[in-house]
Amino acid sequence: MSEKLYPHLLEIDRAARERMDAMLPRMMEAAGVTEELKFRDPMRWVGLMNTLKAQVEEIMLSELIYQ
């Protein structure tokens, strides 16, 4: 009724995207996910990327959404 929900949701979405953009490259480096791996073993690369994205999403959900 006070029209504060939509701006709040936009802010949460922006924060989550920024956090994903910051965390994913660091996690990729730590896990050894490189362009060379993508070329050499694409299936392993896809599996690792899916795992890393799921981990980042879980972290964001617990820190930003479910707090």
Protein backbone atom coordinates (compact mmCIF):
# COMPACT_ATOMS: atom_id res chain seq x y z
CA MET A 1 0.00 0.00 0.00
CA SER A 2 2.91 2.37 0.61
CA GLU A 3 4.61 1.31 -2.66
CA LYS A 4 7.91 0.49 -0.92
CA LEU A 5 8.08 -3.19 -1.87
CA TYR A 6 9.10 -2.78 -5.52
CA PRO A 7 12.07 -0.44 -4.81
CA HIS A 8 13.17 -2.80 -2.04
CA LEU A 9 13.04 -5.79 -4.39
CA LEU A 10 15.01 -3.88 -7.03
CA GLU A 11 17.69 -3.11 -4.45
CA ILE A 12 17.91 -6.76 -3.37
CA ASP A 13 18.17 -7.85 -7.02
CA ARG A 14 20.92 -5.30 -7.71
CA ALA A 15 22.87 -6.38 -4.63
CA ALA A 16 22.53 -10.06 -5.56
CA ARG A 17 23.78 -9.46 -9.11
CA GLU A 18 26.74 -7.42 -7.88
CA ARG A 19 27.64 -10.10 -5.38
CA MET A 20 27.38 -12.83 -8.04
CA ASP A 21 29.63 -10.81 -10.36
CA ALA A 22 32.19 -10.44 -7.56
CA MET A 23 32.10 -13.97 -6.12
CA LEU A 24 31.92 -16.15 -9.22
CA PRO A 25 35.31 -15.20 -10.75
CA ARG A 26 37.07 -15.74 -7.41
CA MET A 27 35.43 -19.13 -6.96
CA MET A 28 36.28 -20.09 -10.55
CA GLU A 29 39.93 -19.25 -9.92
CA ALA A 30 39.99 -21.22 -6.68
CA ALA A 31 38.40 -24.25 -8.38
CA GLY A 32 40.73 -24.11 -11.37
CA VAL A 33 37.98 -23.32 -13.89
CA THR A 34 39.80 -21.74 -16.82
CA GLU A 35 39.35 -21.13 -20.53
CA GLU A 36 41.93 -23.88 -21.11
CA LEU A 37 39.74 -26.33 -19.20
CA LYS A 38 36.75 -25.16 -21.23
CA PHE A 39 38.61 -26.01 -24.43
CA ARG A 40 40.21 -29.24 -23.19
CA ASP A 41 37.26 -30.77 -21.27
CA PRO A 42 34.02 -28.88 -21.94
CA MET A 43 31.78 -31.28 -20.03
CA ARG A 44 33.87 -30.96 -16.86
CA TRP A 45 33.91 -27.17 -17.31
CA VAL A 46 30.11 -27.06 -17.58
CA GLY A 47 29.72 -29.26 -14.52
CA LEU A 48 32.05 -27.12 -12.45
CA MET A 49 30.38 -23.90 -13.60
CA ASN A 50 26.94 -25.24 -12.69
CA THR A 51 28.22 -26.27 -9.27
CA LEU A 52 29.86 -22.89 -8.65
CA LYS A 53 26.77 -20.96 -9.74
CA ALA A 54 24.60 -23.06 -7.44
CA GLN A 55 26.98 -22.42 -4.54
CA VAL A 56 26.96 -18.66 -5.14
CA GLU A 57 23.17 -18.66 -5.37
CA GLU A 58 22.88 -20.54 -2.07
CA ILE A 59 25.22 -18.07 -0.38
CA MET A 60 23.25 -15.11 -1.74
CA LEU A 61 19.93 -16.62 -0.71
CA SER A 62 21.11 -17.21 2.83
CA GLU A 63 22.80 -13.81 3.19
CA LEU A 64 20.43 -11.52 1.28
CA ILE A 65 17.04 -13.17 1.04
CA TYR A 66 16.51 -15.40 4.07
CA GLN A 67 18.15 -13.16 6.64
